Amino acid sequence: MSQMLTDRASENQILLAIEDKPGLLHQLSRYFRDEGINLTSLHTFRTPNGYYMRINLGCKRSAPEAEHTIRAIIADGLATLIS
């Protein structure tokens, strides 16, 4: 059962490199809202290499609306897609 959950999460999960700045979560969440994508979980963490945000989406990351959203976030310079 846990393997199924792991597999499903990886299909719906993205990892972004981000800057630590006020309002970033609000900015990012608007992109997903505008495309009608539910965020099922979100985790931010810091490593020696910087800040990261792991987001689980309410759809597959390969869905057209998710791909469009990710491209827009990157194009606007809000984050870098890691995986």
C-alpha atoms as a PDB file:
ATOM      1  CA  MET A   1       0.000   0.000   0.000  1.00  0.00           C
ATOM      2  CA  SER A   2       2.739   2.514   0.871  1.00  0.00           C
ATOM      3  CA  GLN A   3       4.422   1.811  -2.485  1.00  0.00           C
ATOM      4  CA  MET A   4       1.197   2.775  -4.268  1.00  0.00           C
ATOM      5  CA  LEU A   5       1.054   6.027  -2.307  1.00  0.00           C
ATOM      6  CA  THR A   6       4.692   6.760  -3.117  1.00  0.00           C
ATOM      7  CA  ASP A   7       4.118   6.124  -6.822  1.00  0.00           C
ATOM      8  CA  ARG A   8       1.025   8.317  -6.874  1.00  0.00           C
ATOM      9  CA  ALA A   9       2.807  11.100  -5.024  1.00  0.00           C
ATOM     10  CA  SER A  10       5.679  11.126  -7.488  1.00  0.00           C
ATOM     11  CA  GLU A  11       3.253  11.514 -10.411  1.00  0.00           C
ATOM     12  CA  ASN A  12       1.642  14.480  -8.674  1.00  0.00           C
ATOM     13  CA  GLN A  13       4.693  16.012  -7.013  1.00  0.00           C
ATOM     14  CA  ILE A  14       7.021  18.818  -8.032  1.00  0.00           C
ATOM     15  CA  LEU A  15      10.144  20.104  -6.329  1.00  0.00           C
ATOM     16  CA  LEU A  16      11.066  23.756  -6.770  1.00  0.00           C
ATOM     17  CA  ALA A  17      14.167  25.707  -5.766  1.00  0.00           C
ATOM     18  CA  ILE A  18      12.956  29.019  -4.352  1.00  0.00           C
ATOM     19  CA  GLU A  19      14.155  32.226  -2.744  1.00  0.00           C
ATOM     20  CA  ASP A  20      13.178  32.879   0.848  1.00  0.00           C
ATOM     21  CA  LYS A  21      11.096  36.027   0.518  1.00  0.00           C
ATOM     22  CA  PRO A  22       7.830  37.309   1.975  1.00  0.00           C
ATOM     23  CA  GLY A  23       4.752  36.641  -0.134  1.00  0.00           C
ATOM     24  CA  LEU A  24       6.252  33.905  -2.317  1.00  0.00           C
ATOM     25  CA  LEU A  25       3.760  31.263  -1.195  1.00  0.00           C
ATOM     26  CA  HIS A  26       0.908  33.632  -1.998  1.00  0.00           C
ATOM     27  CA  GLN A  27       2.355  34.381  -5.437  1.00  0.00           C
ATOM     28  CA  LEU A  28       2.889  30.721  -6.300  1.00  0.00           C
ATOM     29  CA  SER A  29      -0.499  29.584  -5.053  1.00  0.00           C
ATOM     30  CA  ARG A  30      -2.229  32.094  -7.361  1.00  0.00           C
ATOM     31  CA  TYR A  31      -0.716  30.389 -10.421  1.00  0.00           C
ATOM     32  CA  PHE A  32      -2.185  27.055  -9.361  1.00  0.00           C
ATOM     33  CA  ARG A  33      -5.521  28.629  -8.418  1.00  0.00           C
ATOM     34  CA  ASP A  34      -5.801  30.347 -11.779  1.00  0.00           C
ATOM     35  CA  GLU A  35      -5.460  26.961 -13.517  1.00  0.00           C
ATOM     36  CA  GLY A  36      -7.880  25.247 -11.104  1.00  0.00           C
ATOM     37  CA  ILE A  37      -5.198  23.004  -9.602  1.00  0.00           C
ATOM     38  CA  ASN A  38      -5.685  21.909  -6.001  1.00  0.00           C
ATOM     39  CA  LEU A  39      -2.561  21.752  -3.815  1.00  0.00           C
ATOM     40  CA  THR A  40      -2.898  18.632  -1.660  1.00  0.00           C
ATOM     41  CA  SER A  41       0.259  19.265   0.391  1.00  0.00           C
ATOM     42  CA  LEU A  42       3.146  21.666   0.505  1.00  0.00           C
ATOM     43  CA  HIS A  43       6.441  21.518   2.365  1.00  0.00           C
ATOM     44  CA  THR A  44       9.251  24.056   2.391  1.00  0.00           C
ATOM     45  CA  PHE A  45      12.714  23.258   3.668  1.00  0.00           C
ATOM     46  CA  ARG A  46      16.217  24.652   3.757  1.00  0.00           C
ATOM     47  CA  THR A  47      19.432  22.858   2.869  1.00  0.00           C
ATOM     48  CA  PRO A  48      22.991  24.186   2.692  1.00  0.00           C
ATOM     49  CA  ASN A  49      22.285  24.764  -1.030  1.00  0.00           C
ATOM     50  CA  GLY A  50      19.189  26.926  -0.532  1.00  0.00           C
ATOM     51  CA  TYR A  51      15.434  26.774  -0.051  1.00  0.00           C
ATOM     52  CA  TYR A  52      13.089  24.270  -1.636  1.00  0.00           C
ATOM     53  CA  MET A  53       9.366  23.695  -1.883  1.00  0.00           C
ATOM     54  CA  ARG A  54       7.805  20.267  -2.443  1.00  0.00           C
ATOM     55  CA  ILE A  55       4.244  20.518  -3.718  1.00  0.00           C
ATOM     56  CA  ASN A  56       1.760  17.698  -4.238  1.00  0.00           C
ATOM     57  CA  LEU A  57      -0.811  18.589  -6.841  1.00  0.00           C
ATOM     58  CA  GLY A  58      -4.415  17.469  -7.162  1.00  0.00           C
ATOM     59  CA  CYS A  59      -3.555  16.302 -10.687  1.00  0.00           C
ATOM     60  CA  LYS A  60      -0.640  14.640 -12.432  1.00  0.00           C
ATOM     61  CA  ARG A  61       2.271  16.991 -13.007  1.00  0.00           C
ATOM     62  CA  SER A  62       2.158  15.939 -16.666  1.00  0.00           C
ATOM     63  CA  ALA A  63      -1.399  17.296 -17.043  1.00  0.00           C
ATOM     64  CA  PRO A  64      -1.552  20.229 -19.487  1.00  0.00           C
ATOM     65  CA  GLU A  65      -2.727  22.668 -16.816  1.00  0.00           C
ATOM     66  CA  ALA A  66       0.098  21.649 -14.467  1.00  0.00           C
ATOM     67  CA  GLU A  67       2.729  21.918 -17.188  1.00  0.00           C
ATOM     68  CA  HIS A  68       1.387  25.355 -18.164  1.00  0.00           C
ATOM     69  CA  THR A  69       1.506  26.516 -14.542  1.00  0.00           C
ATOM     70  CA  ILE A  70       5.036  25.248 -13.962  1.00  0.00           C
ATOM     71  CA  ARG A  71       6.276  26.914 -17.161  1.00  0.00           C
ATOM     72  CA  ALA A  72       4.682  30.220 -16.121  1.00  0.00           C
ATOM     73  CA  ILE A  73       6.241  30.093 -12.625  1.00  0.00           C
ATOM     74  CA  ILE A  74       9.676  29.454 -14.120  1.00  0.00           C
ATOM     75  CA  ALA A  75       9.274  32.072 -16.868  1.00  0.00           C
ATOM     76  CA  ASP A  76       8.304  34.683 -14.273  1.00  0.00           C
ATOM     77  CA  GLY A  77      11.454  33.879 -12.270  1.00  0.00           C
ATOM     78  CA  LEU A  78       9.680  32.722  -9.117  1.00  0.00           C
ATOM     79  CA  ALA A  79      11.288  29.282  -8.919  1.00  0.00           C
ATOM     80  CA  THR A  80      13.430  26.708 -10.674  1.00  0.00           C
ATOM     81  CA  LEU A  81      12.043  23.240 -11.312  1.00  0.00           C
ATOM     82  CA  ILE A  82      14.239  20.561  -9.742  1.00  0.00           C
ATOM     83  CA  SER A  83      11.979  17.582 -10.410  1.00  0.00           C
END
